[in-house]
Amino acid sequence: MYLEHFGLRELPFQLTPDPRFLYLSPGHARAKAYMEYTLWNRDSFVVVTGDVGSGKTTLIQDLVEGLDHSVVLARIHQTQLDELEFFQAVLVEFGFKPFGKGKVELLDMLNSYLVEQHRQGRHVLLIIDEAQNLTPRVLEEVRLLTGLETSEGKLINLILVGQPELRDVLNAPGMEQLNQRIRFRFHLKPLAPEDIAEYIRHRLSVAGYQGESDLFGPELMPLIERYTGGVPRLINILCDTALISAYVDQRETIDTAVMEDAIAELQWAPYHDRRRPAPKTLGEAFAEASKPPPRLIVQEDDKEQTREIPLEQDVLNIGRLPSNDLQLRDPSVSGHHAKIITIHGTSFLEDLRSTNGTYVNGERVVKCVLRDGDQITIGRNRIRYVVEQPPGGKPQPTRLAPVDPTGTEGNPG
């Protein structure tokens, strides 16, 4: 949309965890150093925590892409597992089909595999994402894994990555033995005010910006810090929205007026007001707890019935492949077509460079903020974005606009 206008080669503030855009603040650099030290010295394991959007996934992706053929990697994303499911998930990552076996058999398979990899001179690395969801029983199995070793070092290195709740889990009674195995624990904090400008400048540079002056001048940094709190993901969202706003108004740089327009478009309160809301009455607290998340009403091209999908997770991936959270089997839909990111009840739609495009209310979009009632068109599929339930608390059937039988309405292909 705005690439040519600002002299950019690619979008600078995408939310995908692209290591090329990783900005190594002092905190991120230290966390990376801890992980690399733990890996190459076969020295037990490290725990990295941080708030949503703090850059944990990008940091991990950067580490993973730097691994060579001597490292065997297993990466677990789904962590709401019991002990058997946990071992099955690990073994699946190593190429096994471990289903229908008992715990003793699974442990024997894993131990034999680790010993063989060690004999061949390979490092085995297990990264567990969203580790705050692990149960105490699974964490005990993780502790036992760290005890698998030879005189030359550990048979497996572990990196646990999670949200701040992981610290509470690890500090709970009964976790003393696990804590003794942890070599490093590091918490990723938001960017310091002095790092925000460098972060923005770095991402613009990677995206190809070569302007003589900064697109986002120093006078904007206090405003950006106030509304993002230094959280990288929120900085990306705000800066991208500002670039769109400036492009629409045909402005060459981002000034305070453009940034304020972007904040108004996002309907954001100052970051610390969102983090520490004012005390609520009992009735207000109950109403907020009862408020449902935004949801999608999906009308697939080949089905008469609609289905409802609550946006309860941070990212919902949409595409033709079964690995997506919302799979659309329409051949005109790309494998990984689009995604919806939901933060604090606000949803953002991003097209993933799809072949046939993503449309909102008939207009092709690259990225946009979704509003209640917006109709999204992906291929021949219609999706309605709904923010609140209707009065009475029970969702009513949602009637969607009919699908164009030619598959061309608002979608030139």
Protein backbone atom coordinates (compact mmCIF):
# COMPACT_ATOMS: atom_id res chain seq x y z
CA MET A 1 0.00 0.00 0.00
CA TYR A 2 2.54 2.63 1.14
CA LEU A 3 5.84 1.02 0.10
CA GLU A 4 6.58 3.13 -2.98
CA HIS A 5 5.33 6.29 -1.29
CA PHE A 6 7.95 6.01 1.47
CA GLY A 7 10.68 4.32 -0.59
CA LEU A 8 10.39 0.98 1.17
CA ARG A 9 11.22 -2.45 -0.22
CA GLU A 10 8.93 -4.34 2.15
CA LEU A 11 6.60 -3.75 5.09
CA PRO A 12 8.73 -2.66 8.06
CA PHE A 13 6.29 -3.35 10.88
CA GLN A 14 4.84 -6.76 10.14
CA LEU A 15 3.88 -8.82 13.18
CA THR A 16 5.39 -12.06 11.88
CA PRO A 17 8.54 -13.14 13.81
CA ASP A 18 11.12 -12.42 11.07
CA PRO A 19 14.67 -12.63 12.51
CA ARG A 20 15.92 -10.12 9.94
CA PHE A 21 14.00 -7.45 11.82
CA LEU A 22 15.22 -8.48 15.27
CA TYR A 23 16.48 -5.48 17.19
CA LEU A 24 18.92 -6.56 19.89
CA SER A 25 18.18 -4.23 22.76
CA PRO A 26 20.43 -4.83 25.79
CA GLY A 27 17.80 -7.16 27.22
CA HIS A 28 17.29 -9.13 24.00
CA ALA A 29 21.05 -9.39 23.45
CA ARG A 30 21.55 -10.80 26.94
CA ALA A 31 18.71 -13.31 26.58
CA LYS A 32 20.18 -14.47 23.25
CA ALA A 33 23.63 -14.82 24.80
CA TYR A 34 22.22 -16.94 27.63
CA MET A 35 20.48 -19.26 25.19
CA GLU A 36 23.57 -19.65 22.99
CA TYR A 37 25.81 -20.29 26.00
CA THR A 38 23.44 -22.93 27.33
CA LEU A 39 23.31 -24.68 23.96
CA TRP A 40 26.96 -24.73 23.02
CA ASN A 41 28.16 -25.63 26.50
CA ARG A 42 25.60 -28.43 26.96
CA ASP A 43 24.81 -26.73 30.25
CA SER A 44 21.33 -27.73 31.49
CA PHE A 45 18.64 -25.27 30.40
CA VAL A 46 17.46 -21.67 30.33
CA VAL A 47 14.11 -20.01 31.00
CA VAL A 48 13.06 -16.87 29.10
CA THR A 49 9.88 -15.03 30.05
CA GLY A 50 8.23 -11.88 28.80
CA ASP A 51 4.88 -10.23 28.22
CA VAL A 52 2.88 -10.89 25.07
CA GLY A 53 4.53 -9.01 22.22
CA SER A 54 7.89 -8.56 23.93
CA GLY A 55 9.81 -10.33 21.14
CA LYS A 56 10.24 -13.83 22.58
CA THR A 57 9.18 -15.64 19.41
CA THR A 58 11.39 -13.50 17.15
CA LEU A 59 14.32 -14.11 19.47
CA ILE A 60 13.75 -17.86 19.38
CA GLN A 61 13.35 -17.81 15.59
CA ASP A 62 16.66 -15.97 15.29
CA LEU A 63 18.35 -18.63 17.42
CA VAL A 64 16.78 -21.45 15.39
CA GLU A 65 17.80 -20.01 12.02
CA GLY A 66 21.38 -19.75 13.26
CA LEU A 67 21.64 -23.45 14.08
CA ASP A 68 23.76 -25.68 11.87
CA HIS A 69 23.42 -29.35 10.90
CA SER A 70 25.04 -30.50 14.14
CA VAL A 71 21.97 -29.45 16.14
CA VAL A 72 18.80 -31.56 16.21
CA LEU A 73 15.84 -29.37 17.11
CA ALA A 74 12.45 -30.17 18.61
CA ARG A 75 10.06 -27.28 19.19
CA ILE A 76 6.81 -27.69 21.14
CA HIS A 77 4.12 -25.03 20.81
CA GLN A 78 1.08 -26.85 22.22
CA THR A 79 1.69 -27.22 25.95
CA GLN A 80 -1.69 -28.16 27.40
CA LEU A 81 -0.58 -31.79 27.57
CA ASP A 82 -0.39 -34.61 30.08
CA GLU A 83 2.85 -36.56 30.58
CA LEU A 84 2.23 -39.14 27.84
CA GLU A 85 1.14 -36.48 25.35
CA PHE A 86 4.24 -34.44 26.17
CA PHE A 87 6.61 -37.31 25.38
CA GLN A 88 4.62 -38.14 22.25
CA ALA A 89 4.89 -34.52 21.08
CA VAL A 90 8.67 -34.53 21.64
CA LEU A 91 9.16 -37.82 19.79
CA VAL A 92 6.98 -36.68 16.90
CA GLU A 93 9.31 -33.68 16.51
CA PHE A 94 12.21 -36.14 16.25
CA GLY A 95 10.45 -38.08 13.49
CA PHE A 96 8.90 -40.95 15.45
CA LYS A 97 5.32 -42.25 15.44
CA PRO A 98 4.98 -42.92 19.16
CA PHE A 99 1.23 -43.39 19.48
CA GLY A 100 -0.33 -46.31 21.29
CA LYS A 101 2.71 -46.87 23.50
CA GLY A 102 3.10 -46.65 27.25
CA LYS A 103 5.31 -44.28 29.19
CA VAL A 104 8.12 -46.82 29.67
CA GLU A 105 8.30 -47.45 25.92
CA LEU A 106 8.26 -43.74 25.15
CA LEU A 107 11.08 -43.05 27.61
CA ASP A 108 13.13 -45.89 26.17
CA MET A 109 12.63 -44.57 22.62
CA LEU A 110 13.65 -41.08 23.67
CA ASN A 111 16.68 -42.18 25.69
CA SER A 112 17.94 -44.42 22.88
CA TYR A 113 17.52 -41.60 20.39
CA LEU A 114 19.40 -39.10 22.56
CA VAL A 115 22.26 -41.53 23.16
CA GLU A 116 22.56 -42.21 19.42
CA GLN A 117 22.59 -38.49 18.58
CA HIS A 118 25.29 -37.93 21.20
CA ARG A 119 27.35 -40.78 19.75
CA GLN A 120 27.17 -39.08 16.34
CA GLY A 121 28.34 -35.78 17.81
CA ARG A 122 25.04 -33.93 17.53
CA HIS A 123 23.46 -31.52 20.01
CA VAL A 124 19.77 -32.08 20.78
CA LEU A 125 17.80 -28.95 21.62
CA LEU A 126 14.23 -28.91 22.91
CA ILE A 127 12.42 -25.54 22.89
CA ILE A 128 9.10 -25.44 24.75
CA ASP A 129 7.03 -22.36 23.91
CA GLU A 130 4.05 -21.19 25.99
CA ALA A 131 5.63 -23.09 28.88
CA GLN A 132 3.44 -21.33 31.46
CA ASN A 133 0.71 -23.84 30.53
CA LEU A 134 2.75 -26.90 31.56
CA THR A 135 1.33 -28.79 34.52
CA PRO A 136 3.50 -29.56 37.57
CA ARG A 137 3.58 -33.23 36.54
CA VAL A 138 4.90 -32.39 33.08
CA LEU A 139 7.43 -29.98 34.58
CA GLU A 140 8.67 -32.86 36.73
CA GLU A 141 9.25 -34.87 33.55
CA VAL A 142 11.13 -31.86 32.14
CA ARG A 143 13.32 -31.89 35.25
CA LEU A 144 14.07 -35.57 34.77
CA LEU A 145 15.05 -34.93 31.15
CA THR A 146 17.74 -32.54 32.34
CA GLY A 147 19.29 -35.43 34.28
CA LEU A 148 20.07 -37.38 31.12
CA GLU A 149 23.80 -36.86 30.68
CA THR A 150 27.20 -38.39 30.06
CA SER A 151 30.58 -37.42 31.48
CA GLU A 152 30.89 -35.00 28.51
CA GLY A 153 27.66 -33.11 29.08
CA LYS A 154 23.89 -33.19 28.84
CA LEU A 155 22.17 -35.38 26.28
CA ILE A 156 19.52 -32.72 25.71
CA ASN A 157 19.42 -28.96 26.18
CA LEU A 158 16.15 -27.23 27.02
CA ILE A 159 14.84 -23.71 26.56
CA LEU A 160 11.55 -22.87 28.24
CA VAL A 161 9.80 -19.78 26.88
CA GLY A 162 6.67 -18.33 28.39
CA GLN A 163 4.63 -15.43 29.64
CA PRO A 164 5.28 -13.90 33.10
CA GLU A 165 3.02 -16.51 34.71
CA LEU A 166 5.81 -19.03 34.10
CA ARG A 167 7.84 -17.33 36.82
CA ASP A 168 5.00 -17.90 39.28
CA VAL A 169 4.77 -21.55 38.25
CA LEU A 170 8.50 -22.09 38.76
CA ASN A 171 8.46 -20.28 42.12
CA ALA A 172 5.61 -22.40 43.46
CA PRO A 173 6.22 -24.85 46.34
CA GLY A 174 7.60 -28.19 45.16
CA MET A 175 9.62 -26.73 42.27
CA GLU A 176 12.92 -26.47 44.16
CA GLN A 177 14.58 -29.37 42.36
CA LEU A 178 13.59 -28.02 38.96
CA ASN A 179 14.91 -24.57 39.84
CA GLN A 180 18.27 -26.06 40.80
CA ARG A 181 18.60 -27.37 37.24
CA ILE A 182 17.97 -24.00 35.61
CA ARG A 183 21.23 -22.39 34.50
CA PHE A 184 19.80 -18.99 33.53
CA ARG A 185 16.48 -17.24 34.03
CA PHE A 186 15.82 -14.03 32.15
CA HIS A 187 12.76 -11.79 31.84
CA LEU A 188 12.39 -9.69 28.69
CA LYS A 189 11.18 -6.23 29.61
CA PRO A 190 9.64 -3.65 27.25
CA LEU A 191 12.06 -1.44 25.35
CA ALA A 192 13.51 1.45 27.32
CA PRO A 193 12.50 4.92 26.00
CA GLU A 194 15.97 5.42 24.54
CA ASP A 195 15.70 2.14 22.59
CA ILE A 196 12.36 2.85 20.93
CA ALA A 197 13.78 5.23 18.31
CA GLU A 198 16.60 2.78 17.49
CA TYR A 199 14.09 -0.06 17.21
CA ILE A 200 11.96 1.89 14.71
CA ARG A 201 15.01 3.06 12.77
CA HIS A 202 16.35 -0.51 12.58
CA ARG A 203 13.14 -1.95 11.17
CA LEU A 204 12.83 0.82 8.59
CA SER A 205 16.44 0.24 7.51
CA VAL A 206 15.89 -3.50 7.06
CA ALA A 207 12.77 -2.71 5.01
CA GLY A 208 14.88 -0.57 2.65
CA TYR A 209 14.27 2.99 3.86
CA GLN A 210 17.08 5.31 2.77
CA GLY A 211 15.62 8.74 3.46
CA GLU A 212 17.88 11.52 4.64
CA SER A 213 15.77 12.16 7.74
CA ASP A 214 13.91 9.88 10.12
CA LEU A 215 10.34 9.04 9.17
CA PHE A 216 9.50 9.06 12.89
CA GLY A 217 11.22 12.08 14.42
CA PRO A 218 12.48 12.31 18.02
CA GLU A 219 9.51 14.46 19.02
CA LEU A 220 7.24 11.41 18.50
CA MET A 221 9.08 9.08 20.86
CA PRO A 222 7.37 10.20 24.11
CA LEU A 223 3.98 9.74 22.43
CA ILE A 224 4.90 6.29 21.11
CA GLU A 225 6.27 5.24 24.50
CA ARG A 226 3.14 6.50 26.25
CA TYR A 227 0.75 4.46 24.11
CA THR A 228 2.84 1.31 23.57
CA GLY A 229 4.76 1.05 26.82
CA GLY A 230 7.79 0.03 24.77
CA VAL A 231 6.23 -3.32 23.81
CA PRO A 232 7.64 -4.19 20.35
CA ARG A 233 4.42 -5.66 18.96
CA LEU A 234 2.42 -2.59 19.97
CA ILE A 235 5.09 -0.31 18.48
CA ASN A 236 4.73 -2.24 15.21
CA ILE A 237 0.96 -1.86 15.20
CA LEU A 238 1.05 1.86 15.98
CA CYS A 239 3.82 2.71 13.49
CA ASP A 240 2.21 0.70 10.71
CA THR A 241 -1.13 2.42 11.31
CA ALA A 242 0.64 5.80 11.24
CA LEU A 243 2.28 4.98 7.89
CA ILE A 244 -1.09 4.01 6.43
CA SER A 245 -2.64 7.24 7.74
CA ALA A 246 0.20 9.35 6.31
CA TYR A 247 -0.04 7.59 2.96
CA VAL A 248 -3.78 8.21 2.74
CA ASP A 249 -3.18 11.91 3.43
CA GLN A 250 -0.19 11.94 1.02
CA ARG A 251 2.25 13.10 3.71
CA GLU A 252 5.95 12.44 3.35
CA THR A 253 6.77 12.10 7.05
CA ILE A 254 5.03 11.18 10.27
CA ASP A 255 4.28 14.17 12.49
CA THR A 256 2.39 14.48 15.76
CA ALA A 257 -0.95 15.00 14.01
CA VAL A 258 -0.52 11.80 11.98
CA MET A 259 0.48 9.84 15.08
CA GLU A 260 -2.52 11.14 17.01
CA ASP A 261 -4.78 10.14 14.11
CA ALA A 262 -3.30 6.63 14.26
CA ILE A 263 -3.89 6.41 18.01
CA ALA A 264 -7.47 7.56 17.53
CA GLU A 265 -7.95 4.97 14.77
CA LEU A 266 -6.73 2.23 17.11
CA GLN A 267 -8.86 3.63 19.96
CA TRP A 268 -6.01 3.14 22.40
CA ALA A 269 -5.79 4.59 25.88
CA PRO A 270 -2.30 5.21 27.29
CA TYR A 271 -0.51 1.92 27.83
CA HIS A 272 -0.29 2.09 31.61
CA ASP A 273 -3.99 2.93 31.85
CA ARG A 274 -4.70 -0.28 29.96
CA ARG A 275 -2.31 -2.24 32.17
CA ARG A 276 -3.63 -0.86 35.46
CA PRO A 277 -7.32 -0.15 35.02
CA ALA A 278 -9.19 1.88 37.59
CA PRO A 279 -11.04 -0.12 40.27
CA LYS A 280 -14.43 -1.34 39.10
CA THR A 281 -17.66 -1.84 40.89
CA LEU A 282 -18.81 -5.41 41.39
CA GLY A 283 -21.36 -4.98 38.61
CA GLU A 284 -18.76 -3.59 36.20
CA ALA A 285 -16.33 -6.38 37.01
CA PHE A 286 -19.03 -9.01 36.42
CA ALA A 287 -20.07 -7.41 33.12
CA GLU A 288 -16.45 -7.31 31.92
CA ALA A 289 -15.83 -10.94 32.91
CA SER A 290 -19.01 -11.94 31.07
CA LYS A 291 -18.17 -9.99 27.91
CA PRO A 292 -17.35 -12.47 25.15
CA PRO A 293 -14.30 -12.11 22.92
CA PRO A 294 -14.76 -10.92 19.33
CA ARG A 295 -15.85 -13.71 17.02
CA LEU A 296 -16.05 -14.68 13.38
CA ILE A 297 -19.20 -15.95 11.64
CA VAL A 298 -17.87 -18.05 8.77
CA GLN A 299 -19.89 -18.90 5.64
CA GLU A 300 -17.81 -21.27 3.53
CA ASP A 301 -18.50 -21.46 -0.19
CA ASP A 302 -19.35 -25.17 -0.22
CA LYS A 303 -21.44 -25.22 2.98
CA GLU A 304 -24.89 -23.88 3.77
CA GLN A 305 -24.39 -23.61 7.51
CA THR A 306 -22.30 -20.93 9.17
CA ARG A 307 -19.92 -21.62 12.02
CA GLU A 308 -18.78 -19.38 14.83
CA ILE A 309 -15.15 -18.97 15.90
CA PRO A 310 -14.34 -16.93 19.02
CA LEU A 311 -11.08 -14.96 18.77
CA GLU A 312 -9.72 -16.18 22.09
CA GLN A 313 -6.10 -16.53 20.96
CA ASP A 314 -3.61 -13.82 20.05
CA VAL A 315 -3.21 -14.98 16.43
CA LEU A 316 -5.67 -16.89 14.23
CA ASN A 317 -4.17 -18.11 10.95
CA ILE A 318 -6.44 -18.52 7.91
CA GLY A 319 -5.66 -20.51 4.79
CA ARG A 320 -6.17 -23.62 2.71
CA LEU A 321 -3.65 -25.87 4.51
CA PRO A 322 -4.77 -27.93 7.53
CA SER A 323 -2.08 -26.34 9.72
CA ASN A 324 -4.16 -23.14 9.84
CA ASP A 325 -6.47 -22.36 12.76
CA LEU A 326 -9.25 -21.65 10.24
CA GLN A 327 -8.95 -23.92 7.22
CA LEU A 328 -10.84 -22.89 4.06
CA ARG A 329 -10.71 -25.67 1.46
CA ASP A 330 -11.50 -23.32 -1.43
CA PRO A 331 -8.75 -23.72 -4.12
CA SER A 332 -8.71 -19.94 -4.64
CA VAL A 333 -7.47 -19.52 -1.06
CA SER A 334 -3.68 -19.52 -0.57
CA GLY A 335 -2.01 -22.06 1.71
CA HIS A 336 -1.37 -19.38 4.32
CA HIS A 337 -3.70 -16.61 3.22
CA ALA A 338 -4.26 -14.19 6.11
CA LYS A 339 -4.23 -13.88 9.87
CA ILE A 340 -6.17 -12.03 12.55
CA ILE A 341 -4.30 -10.69 15.57
CA THR A 342 -6.42 -9.84 18.62
CA ILE A 343 -4.97 -7.67 21.40
CA HIS A 344 -7.05 -6.28 24.28
CA GLY A 345 -10.26 -7.00 22.37
CA THR A 346 -9.11 -5.21 19.20
CA SER A 347 -8.51 -7.30 16.08
CA PHE A 348 -6.18 -6.60 13.16
CA LEU A 349 -6.45 -8.39 9.82
CA GLU A 350 -3.29 -8.93 7.77
CA ASP A 351 -3.05 -10.44 4.30
CA LEU A 352 -0.05 -12.80 4.00
CA ARG A 353 0.84 -11.94 0.41
CA SER A 354 -1.95 -14.17 -0.86
CA THR A 355 -2.52 -14.81 -4.56
CA ASN A 356 -6.12 -13.60 -4.77
CA GLY A 357 -6.13 -11.03 -2.00
CA THR A 358 -8.14 -10.39 1.16
CA TYR A 359 -11.14 -8.05 1.06
CA VAL A 360 -12.97 -6.13 3.78
CA ASN A 361 -16.35 -4.72 2.80
CA GLY A 362 -15.40 -5.16 -0.88
CA GLU A 363 -12.04 -3.36 -0.66
CA ARG A 364 -8.75 -5.21 -1.00
CA VAL A 365 -6.58 -4.73 2.09
CA VAL A 366 -3.06 -5.56 3.20
CA LYS A 367 -3.64 -4.78 6.84
CA CYS A 368 -6.49 -3.12 8.68
CA VAL A 369 -8.25 -2.74 12.01
CA LEU A 370 -11.52 -4.71 12.07
CA ARG A 371 -14.78 -3.10 13.16
CA ASP A 372 -17.99 -4.71 14.36
CA GLY A 373 -19.96 -5.98 11.36
CA ASP A 374 -17.09 -5.92 8.86
CA GLN A 375 -17.48 -8.52 6.14
CA ILE A 376 -14.26 -10.25 5.11
CA THR A 377 -14.06 -12.00 1.75
CA ILE A 378 -11.39 -14.65 1.21
CA GLY A 379 -11.81 -16.49 -2.08
CA ARG A 380 -15.47 -17.49 -2.22
CA ASN A 381 -15.86 -17.49 1.55
CA ARG A 382 -17.61 -14.78 3.57
CA ILE A 383 -16.63 -14.04 7.16
CA ARG A 384 -18.41 -11.57 9.43
CA TYR A 385 -16.48 -9.97 12.30
CA VAL A 386 -18.68 -9.49 15.38
CA VAL A 387 -17.59 -7.71 18.53
CA GLU A 388 -20.44 -8.22 21.00
CA GLN A 389 -23.31 -10.59 21.52
CA PRO A 390 -26.76 -9.09 20.90
CA PRO A 391 -28.95 -8.17 23.90
CA GLY A 392 -30.09 -11.18 25.86
CA GLY A 393 -26.66 -12.83 25.98
CA LYS A 394 -27.39 -15.50 23.39
CA PRO A 395 -25.95 -15.12 19.87
CA GLN A 396 -28.59 -14.88 17.17
CA PRO A 397 -28.16 -16.35 13.69
CA THR A 398 -26.14 -13.97 11.53
CA ARG A 399 -27.26 -13.54 7.94
CA LEU A 400 -24.36 -12.96 5.57
CA ALA A 401 -24.46 -11.38 2.16
CA PRO A 402 -24.82 -14.00 -0.58
CA VAL A 403 -21.64 -15.29 -2.18
CA ASP A 404 -21.18 -14.17 -5.78
CA PRO A 405 -21.56 -17.39 -7.82
CA THR A 406 -18.87 -16.24 -10.24
CA GLY A 407 -16.40 -15.76 -7.41
CA THR A 408 -15.41 -12.35 -8.80
CA GLU A 409 -17.40 -9.83 -6.71
CA GLY A 410 -14.90 -7.45 -5.12
CA ASN A 411 -12.12 -9.91 -5.95
CA PRO A 412 -10.39 -9.55 -9.28
CA GLY A 413 -8.38 -12.68 -8.64
